Each structure stands twice: as structure tokens, then as C-alpha cells.
Amino acid sequence: MRIRVINPNTTAAMTALIEASAKLVAAPGTLVEGVNPTMGPASIESHYDEALAVPGLLAEIARGEAEGVDGY
């Protein structure tokens, strides 16, 4: 199984921490990938930031679907 964990902000350091945490609890044989969008806020601090994060988040899901990811 291939799971993609999407950090909705663009901070790569946070994405690496999220990926590492997810790998600790994943079942054996599960491939966990942490990704973040190339566009959007560096952090999500408000409703405005949440709205700005949506296009990048959806783009990452679309990319995952094209690459055969099993879940997010």
C-alpha cells in the first residue's frame, strides 16, 4: 500500500517531521511519502491561510491519483 501524507503548507521541514511520524505507525510493507505543495502559505494561521492552501493541496492529490497512490 502506498500512502501519501500531504502537509498543506509549503514548509519542507514540517513535511519531513510529518513523514517520519507517519512512518513510525505505518504497517509493515506500507510505503509512506510526505509531500507539500509548491504553492500556498508557509504556515496555516487563519481561515485566509486555509483557503490559500486548498489549490496546492488539491494539486498534490491530483498528482497522487495520476501516480497510483492508494490513500492520503
Protein backbone atom coordinates (compact mmCIF):
# COMPACT_ATOMS: atom_id res chain seq x y z
CA MET A 1 0.00 0.00 0.00
CA ARG A 2 1.22 3.47 -0.86
CA ILE A 3 0.08 6.34 1.34
CA ARG A 4 0.86 9.97 0.63
CA VAL A 5 0.73 12.32 3.60
CA ILE A 6 0.19 15.86 2.38
CA ASN A 7 1.32 18.76 4.53
CA PRO A 8 -0.99 21.54 3.27
CA ASN A 9 1.61 24.26 3.84
CA THR A 10 4.86 24.72 1.95
CA THR A 11 7.32 24.22 4.81
CA ALA A 12 9.56 21.28 3.85
CA ALA A 13 10.99 20.84 7.37
CA MET A 14 7.50 20.31 8.78
CA THR A 15 6.72 17.88 5.96
CA ALA A 16 9.79 15.81 6.88
CA LEU A 17 8.64 15.60 10.51
CA ILE A 18 5.13 14.59 9.47
CA GLU A 19 6.51 11.89 7.13
CA ALA A 20 8.80 10.49 9.83
CA SER A 21 5.93 10.35 12.34
CA ALA A 22 3.65 8.59 9.85
CA LYS A 23 6.33 6.00 9.04
CA LEU A 24 6.61 5.12 12.74
CA VAL A 25 2.98 3.96 12.86
CA ALA A 26 2.55 2.54 9.35
CA ALA A 27 2.01 -1.19 8.91
CA PRO A 28 4.95 -3.23 7.63
CA GLY A 29 5.16 -3.05 3.86
CA THR A 30 3.36 0.29 3.66
CA LEU A 31 5.15 2.96 1.66
CA VAL A 32 4.63 6.38 3.26
CA GLU A 33 5.53 9.52 1.32
CA GLY A 34 5.41 13.02 2.75
CA VAL A 35 4.84 15.85 0.30
CA ASN A 36 3.93 19.51 0.38
CA PRO A 37 2.59 21.81 -2.31
CA THR A 38 4.86 24.15 -4.22
CA MET A 39 2.33 26.97 -3.84
CA GLY A 40 0.47 28.23 -0.82
CA PRO A 41 1.20 29.59 2.65
CA ALA A 42 4.33 28.67 4.61
CA SER A 43 2.12 28.08 7.64
CA ILE A 44 -1.61 27.98 8.22
CA GLU A 45 -2.56 30.52 10.86
CA SER A 46 -6.02 31.68 9.81
CA HIS A 47 -9.07 30.98 7.67
CA TYR A 48 -7.40 33.00 4.95
CA ASP A 49 -4.33 30.74 5.01
CA GLU A 50 -6.60 27.68 4.95
CA ALA A 51 -8.25 28.95 1.78
CA LEU A 52 -4.88 29.71 0.17
CA ALA A 53 -3.69 26.16 0.91
CA VAL A 54 -6.57 24.43 -0.90
CA PRO A 55 -5.36 24.78 -4.54
CA GLY A 56 -1.92 23.34 -3.73
CA LEU A 57 -3.46 20.54 -1.67
CA LEU A 58 -5.81 19.58 -4.50
CA ALA A 59 -2.92 19.67 -6.98
CA GLU A 60 -0.99 17.20 -4.81
CA ILE A 61 -4.00 14.88 -4.66
CA ALA A 62 -4.40 15.05 -8.44
CA ARG A 63 -0.70 14.24 -8.84
CA GLY A 64 -1.04 11.31 -6.45
CA GLU A 65 -4.02 9.95 -8.35
CA ALA A 66 -2.02 10.07 -11.59
CA GLU A 67 0.86 8.25 -9.84
CA GLY A 68 -1.32 5.48 -8.38
CA VAL A 69 -1.28 6.46 -4.71
CA ASP A 70 -3.67 4.32 -2.65
CA GLY A 71 -4.60 6.82 0.07
CA TYR A 72 -3.94 10.22 1.58
